[in-house]
Amino acid sequence: MSDCLFCKIAAGEIPSKKIYEDDLVFAFYDIDPQAPVHYLVIPKQHIPSCAAITPENSAVVARCFEVIASTAKQLGISEFRVVSNCGKQAGQSVDHLHFHVLSGRDMTWPPG
């Protein structure tokens, strides 16, 4: 999608502090970190949110979680939280499926 911020980041049109990239997935540090370690894992394919996951695109979502596990290991993180907001009321500010990976501090519950 040509006007999507995360599509532009994944395409290299907007600079980011990249952690990982392959043909399907891109991972980069959040520009407004909410924890000592805070990065995003996104599919390169434009999927608007969790609500748009289908049997046709779910393999890339599984790949995102594989990348979450491998990048956490690469960064020396063994305990972390994964968050995906779905919709504006839930806090989704970019309409492109993304997973926040947060670590380095105690995570409270309930969140929000």
N, C-alpha and C. Protein backbone atom coordinates (compact mmCIF):
# COMPACT_ATOMS: atom_id res chain seq x y z
N MET A 1 0.86 -1.18 0.00
CA MET A 1 0.00 0.00 0.00
C MET A 1 0.90 1.23 0.00
N SER A 2 0.74 2.12 -0.94
CA SER A 2 1.68 3.20 -1.18
C SER A 2 1.72 4.27 -0.09
N ASP A 3 0.64 4.46 0.65
CA ASP A 3 0.65 5.50 1.68
C ASP A 3 0.84 4.96 3.09
N CYS A 4 1.16 3.68 3.23
CA CYS A 4 1.32 3.05 4.54
C CYS A 4 2.73 3.27 5.07
N LEU A 5 2.83 3.83 6.27
CA LEU A 5 4.12 4.09 6.90
C LEU A 5 4.97 2.84 7.02
N PHE A 6 4.39 1.75 7.50
CA PHE A 6 5.18 0.54 7.68
C PHE A 6 5.55 -0.13 6.36
N CYS A 7 4.72 -0.02 5.35
CA CYS A 7 5.10 -0.52 4.02
C CYS A 7 6.31 0.25 3.51
N LYS A 8 6.33 1.56 3.74
CA LYS A 8 7.47 2.38 3.31
C LYS A 8 8.73 2.05 4.10
N ILE A 9 8.59 1.78 5.39
CA ILE A 9 9.75 1.38 6.19
C ILE A 9 10.30 0.04 5.69
N ALA A 10 9.42 -0.93 5.48
CA ALA A 10 9.84 -2.25 5.00
C ALA A 10 10.50 -2.17 3.63
N ALA A 11 10.06 -1.23 2.81
CA ALA A 11 10.63 -1.06 1.47
C ALA A 11 11.92 -0.25 1.48
N GLY A 12 12.30 0.28 2.63
CA GLY A 12 13.51 1.08 2.72
C GLY A 12 13.34 2.53 2.29
N GLU A 13 12.09 2.95 2.08
CA GLU A 13 11.82 4.32 1.66
C GLU A 13 11.90 5.29 2.84
N ILE A 14 11.68 4.79 4.05
CA ILE A 14 11.80 5.58 5.27
C ILE A 14 12.84 4.87 6.13
N PRO A 15 13.84 5.59 6.63
CA PRO A 15 14.88 4.94 7.42
C PRO A 15 14.35 4.39 8.74
N SER A 16 14.98 3.31 9.19
CA SER A 16 14.66 2.71 10.48
C SER A 16 15.93 2.06 11.01
N LYS A 17 15.89 1.72 12.28
CA LYS A 17 17.00 0.99 12.90
C LYS A 17 16.66 -0.49 12.83
N LYS A 18 17.06 -1.09 11.71
CA LYS A 18 16.68 -2.47 11.39
C LYS A 18 17.38 -3.46 12.30
N ILE A 19 16.60 -4.47 12.71
CA ILE A 19 17.13 -5.60 13.48
C ILE A 19 17.23 -6.83 12.59
N TYR A 20 16.22 -7.01 11.72
CA TYR A 20 16.14 -8.23 10.92
C TYR A 20 15.30 -7.96 9.68
N GLU A 21 15.65 -8.68 8.60
CA GLU A 21 14.83 -8.62 7.39
C GLU A 21 15.00 -9.90 6.60
N ASP A 22 13.89 -10.39 6.07
CA ASP A 22 13.92 -11.47 5.08
C ASP A 22 12.86 -11.14 4.03
N ASP A 23 12.51 -12.08 3.19
CA ASP A 23 11.55 -11.81 2.11
C ASP A 23 10.15 -11.49 2.62
N LEU A 24 9.81 -11.97 3.82
CA LEU A 24 8.45 -11.83 4.33
C LEU A 24 8.28 -10.86 5.49
N VAL A 25 9.34 -10.67 6.27
CA VAL A 25 9.22 -9.99 7.56
C VAL A 25 10.32 -8.96 7.74
N PHE A 26 9.99 -7.91 8.47
CA PHE A 26 10.95 -6.83 8.78
C PHE A 26 10.82 -6.52 10.27
N ALA A 27 11.94 -6.37 10.95
CA ALA A 27 11.94 -6.02 12.38
C ALA A 27 12.82 -4.80 12.59
N PHE A 28 12.32 -3.86 13.41
CA PHE A 28 13.06 -2.62 13.65
C PHE A 28 12.68 -2.04 15.00
N TYR A 29 13.59 -1.22 15.55
CA TYR A 29 13.34 -0.61 16.85
C TYR A 29 12.25 0.45 16.76
N ASP A 30 11.41 0.49 17.79
CA ASP A 30 10.34 1.49 17.90
C ASP A 30 10.96 2.87 18.13
N ILE A 31 10.42 3.90 17.48
CA ILE A 31 10.97 5.26 17.65
C ILE A 31 10.52 5.91 18.94
N ASP A 32 9.53 5.34 19.61
CA ASP A 32 9.05 5.85 20.89
C ASP A 32 8.98 4.69 21.88
N PRO A 33 10.14 4.18 22.31
CA PRO A 33 10.15 2.96 23.12
C PRO A 33 9.43 3.11 24.45
N GLN A 34 8.69 2.06 24.81
CA GLN A 34 7.95 2.01 26.06
C GLN A 34 8.60 1.07 27.06
N ALA A 35 9.75 0.55 26.72
CA ALA A 35 10.53 -0.34 27.59
C ALA A 35 11.98 -0.22 27.15
N PRO A 36 12.92 -0.65 27.98
CA PRO A 36 14.34 -0.59 27.58
C PRO A 36 14.62 -1.28 26.25
N VAL A 37 13.92 -2.37 25.96
CA VAL A 37 13.97 -3.01 24.64
C VAL A 37 12.55 -2.95 24.09
N HIS A 38 12.41 -2.33 22.92
CA HIS A 38 11.09 -2.22 22.29
C HIS A 38 11.30 -2.17 20.78
N TYR A 39 10.88 -3.23 20.13
CA TYR A 39 10.98 -3.25 18.68
C TYR A 39 9.70 -3.81 18.08
N LEU A 40 9.57 -3.61 16.78
CA LEU A 40 8.38 -4.03 16.05
C LEU A 40 8.76 -5.10 15.04
N VAL A 41 7.87 -6.06 14.87
CA VAL A 41 8.01 -7.07 13.84
C VAL A 41 6.78 -6.96 12.96
N ILE A 42 7.00 -6.77 11.65
CA ILE A 42 5.90 -6.56 10.72
C ILE A 42 6.02 -7.50 9.52
N PRO A 43 4.89 -7.91 8.97
CA PRO A 43 4.95 -8.59 7.68
C PRO A 43 5.19 -7.53 6.60
N LYS A 44 5.97 -7.88 5.59
CA LYS A 44 6.15 -6.94 4.47
C LYS A 44 4.86 -6.81 3.66
N GLN A 45 4.09 -7.87 3.62
CA GLN A 45 2.78 -7.83 2.97
C GLN A 45 1.87 -6.92 3.78
N HIS A 46 1.13 -6.05 3.13
CA HIS A 46 0.23 -5.16 3.85
C HIS A 46 -0.99 -5.94 4.33
N ILE A 47 -1.07 -6.08 5.64
CA ILE A 47 -2.24 -6.66 6.31
C ILE A 47 -2.66 -5.59 7.31
N PRO A 48 -3.87 -5.07 7.25
CA PRO A 48 -4.25 -3.92 8.08
C PRO A 48 -4.19 -4.15 9.60
N SER A 49 -4.56 -5.34 10.08
CA SER A 49 -4.57 -5.60 11.53
C SER A 49 -4.80 -7.09 11.75
N CYS A 50 -4.84 -7.49 13.01
CA CYS A 50 -5.15 -8.89 13.35
C CYS A 50 -6.51 -9.31 12.81
N ALA A 51 -7.42 -8.36 12.70
CA ALA A 51 -8.76 -8.66 12.20
C ALA A 51 -8.76 -9.07 10.73
N ALA A 52 -7.66 -8.81 10.04
CA ALA A 52 -7.58 -9.13 8.62
C ALA A 52 -6.76 -10.39 8.34
N ILE A 53 -6.41 -11.15 9.37
CA ILE A 53 -5.68 -12.39 9.15
C ILE A 53 -6.64 -13.44 8.61
N THR A 54 -6.20 -14.12 7.55
CA THR A 54 -7.03 -15.12 6.87
C THR A 54 -6.20 -16.38 6.64
N PRO A 55 -6.84 -17.45 6.20
CA PRO A 55 -6.05 -18.65 5.84
C PRO A 55 -5.02 -18.35 4.74
N GLU A 56 -5.31 -17.39 3.89
CA GLU A 56 -4.40 -17.06 2.79
C GLU A 56 -3.16 -16.30 3.25
N ASN A 57 -3.23 -15.57 4.36
CA ASN A 57 -2.06 -14.79 4.80
C ASN A 57 -1.51 -15.21 6.16
N SER A 58 -2.07 -16.25 6.75
CA SER A 58 -1.66 -16.62 8.11
C SER A 58 -0.25 -17.18 8.18
N ALA A 59 0.29 -17.69 7.09
CA ALA A 59 1.67 -18.21 7.13
C ALA A 59 2.67 -17.09 7.42
N VAL A 60 2.41 -15.90 6.91
CA VAL A 60 3.33 -14.79 7.18
C VAL A 60 3.23 -14.37 8.65
N VAL A 61 2.07 -14.53 9.25
CA VAL A 61 1.92 -14.22 10.68
C VAL A 61 2.73 -15.23 11.50
N ALA A 62 2.68 -16.49 11.12
CA ALA A 62 3.50 -17.49 11.79
C ALA A 62 4.98 -17.14 11.64
N ARG A 63 5.37 -16.69 10.46
CA ARG A 63 6.77 -16.28 10.23
C ARG A 63 7.13 -15.11 11.14
N CYS A 64 6.21 -14.18 11.36
CA CYS A 64 6.47 -13.06 12.29
C CYS A 64 6.83 -13.60 13.68
N PHE A 65 6.11 -14.60 14.14
CA PHE A 65 6.39 -15.16 15.47
C PHE A 65 7.70 -15.94 15.50
N GLU A 66 8.06 -16.56 14.40
CA GLU A 66 9.39 -17.18 14.33
C GLU A 66 10.47 -16.12 14.46
N VAL A 67 10.27 -15.00 13.78
CA VAL A 67 11.23 -13.90 13.84
C VAL A 67 11.26 -13.27 15.24
N ILE A 68 10.11 -13.17 15.88
CA ILE A 68 10.08 -12.66 17.26
C ILE A 68 10.97 -13.54 18.14
N ALA A 69 10.82 -14.84 18.04
CA ALA A 69 11.63 -15.76 18.86
C ALA A 69 13.11 -15.64 18.54
N SER A 70 13.45 -15.60 17.26
CA SER A 70 14.88 -15.57 16.90
C SER A 70 15.53 -14.22 17.21
N THR A 71 14.80 -13.12 17.01
CA THR A 71 15.40 -11.82 17.33
C THR A 71 15.55 -11.63 18.83
N ALA A 72 14.60 -12.14 19.61
CA ALA A 72 14.73 -12.07 21.07
C ALA A 72 15.98 -12.82 21.50
N LYS A 73 16.17 -14.00 20.95
CA LYS A 73 17.37 -14.78 21.28
C LYS A 73 18.63 -14.02 20.86
N GLN A 74 18.61 -13.46 19.66
CA GLN A 74 19.75 -12.70 19.14
C GLN A 74 20.09 -11.52 20.05
N LEU A 75 19.08 -10.89 20.63
CA LEU A 75 19.28 -9.74 21.50
C LEU A 75 19.51 -10.14 22.96
N GLY A 76 19.51 -11.42 23.25
CA GLY A 76 19.74 -11.89 24.60
C GLY A 76 18.56 -11.74 25.53
N ILE A 77 17.38 -11.73 24.95
CA ILE A 77 16.14 -11.55 25.73
C ILE A 77 15.49 -12.91 25.93
N SER A 78 15.22 -13.26 27.18
CA SER A 78 14.53 -14.52 27.44
C SER A 78 13.11 -14.30 27.96
N GLU A 79 12.84 -13.10 28.46
CA GLU A 79 11.50 -12.76 28.94
C GLU A 79 11.04 -11.49 28.24
N PHE A 80 9.86 -11.56 27.63
CA PHE A 80 9.39 -10.41 26.86
C PHE A 80 7.88 -10.50 26.71
N ARG A 81 7.30 -9.37 26.31
CA ARG A 81 5.87 -9.30 26.03
C ARG A 81 5.71 -9.00 24.55
N VAL A 82 4.71 -9.63 23.93
CA VAL A 82 4.36 -9.36 22.53
C VAL A 82 2.95 -8.78 22.53
N VAL A 83 2.78 -7.63 21.87
CA VAL A 83 1.50 -6.94 21.84
C VAL A 83 1.15 -6.59 20.40
N SER A 84 -0.10 -6.80 20.05
CA SER A 84 -0.61 -6.31 18.77
C SER A 84 -1.96 -5.65 19.03
N ASN A 85 -2.03 -4.37 18.79
CA ASN A 85 -3.28 -3.63 18.97
C ASN A 85 -4.10 -3.76 17.69
N CYS A 86 -5.40 -3.89 17.85
CA CYS A 86 -6.29 -4.08 16.70
C CYS A 86 -7.39 -3.02 16.76
N GLY A 87 -7.24 -1.98 15.96
CA GLY A 87 -8.22 -0.90 15.92
C GLY A 87 -7.81 0.29 16.77
N LYS A 88 -8.38 1.43 16.43
CA LYS A 88 -8.01 2.68 17.09
C LYS A 88 -8.29 2.67 18.59
N GLN A 89 -9.45 2.16 19.02
CA GLN A 89 -9.77 2.13 20.44
C GLN A 89 -8.78 1.26 21.22
N ALA A 90 -8.22 0.26 20.57
CA ALA A 90 -7.23 -0.61 21.21
C ALA A 90 -5.83 -0.02 21.18
N GLY A 91 -5.66 1.11 20.49
CA GLY A 91 -4.36 1.77 20.46
C GLY A 91 -3.57 1.59 19.18
N GLN A 92 -4.18 1.02 18.14
CA GLN A 92 -3.46 0.85 16.88
C GLN A 92 -3.36 2.19 16.18
N SER A 93 -2.12 2.67 15.97
CA SER A 93 -1.93 3.98 15.35
C SER A 93 -1.48 3.88 13.90
N VAL A 94 -0.99 2.71 13.47
CA VAL A 94 -0.61 2.48 12.07
C VAL A 94 -1.42 1.29 11.59
N ASP A 95 -2.16 1.48 10.52
CA ASP A 95 -3.03 0.42 10.00
C ASP A 95 -2.25 -0.58 9.15
N HIS A 96 -1.32 -1.24 9.81
CA HIS A 96 -0.51 -2.32 9.22
C HIS A 96 -0.20 -3.26 10.38
N LEU A 97 -0.52 -4.52 10.22
CA LEU A 97 -0.29 -5.49 11.28
C LEU A 97 1.14 -5.37 11.80
N HIS A 98 1.28 -5.27 13.09
CA HIS A 98 2.61 -5.22 13.69
C HIS A 98 2.57 -5.76 15.11
N PHE A 99 3.70 -6.29 15.51
CA PHE A 99 3.83 -6.88 16.83
C PHE A 99 4.91 -6.12 17.59
N HIS A 100 4.54 -5.54 18.73
CA HIS A 100 5.49 -4.88 19.61
C HIS A 100 6.15 -5.97 20.45
N VAL A 101 7.46 -5.94 20.55
CA VAL A 101 8.19 -6.83 21.44
C VAL A 101 8.84 -5.93 22.49
N LEU A 102 8.45 -6.14 23.76
CA LEU A 102 8.92 -5.29 24.85
C LEU A 102 9.61 -6.14 25.91
N SER A 103 10.73 -5.60 26.43
CA SER A 103 11.47 -6.33 27.45
C SER A 103 12.35 -5.36 28.22
N GLY A 104 12.95 -5.86 29.29
CA GLY A 104 13.92 -5.07 30.04
C GLY A 104 13.35 -4.39 31.27
N ARG A 105 12.07 -4.62 31.56
CA ARG A 105 11.46 -4.10 32.77
C ARG A 105 10.30 -5.00 33.14
N ASP A 106 9.82 -4.88 34.38
CA ASP A 106 8.65 -5.64 34.79
C ASP A 106 7.44 -5.15 34.00
N MET A 107 6.65 -6.07 33.49
CA MET A 107 5.43 -5.74 32.76
C MET A 107 4.26 -5.94 33.71
N THR A 108 3.46 -4.91 33.87
CA THR A 108 2.33 -5.00 34.78
C THR A 108 1.12 -5.62 34.09
N TRP A 109 0.20 -6.11 34.88
CA TRP A 109 -1.05 -6.65 34.35
C TRP A 109 -2.18 -6.23 35.28
N PRO A 110 -3.30 -5.77 34.81
CA PRO A 110 -3.60 -5.66 33.39
C PRO A 110 -2.90 -4.46 32.75
N PRO A 111 -2.61 -4.58 31.45
CA PRO A 111 -1.98 -3.46 30.74
C PRO A 111 -2.98 -2.34 30.52
N GLY A 112 -2.48 -1.19 30.12
CA GLY A 112 -3.34 -0.07 29.77
C GLY A 112 -3.70 0.70 30.96
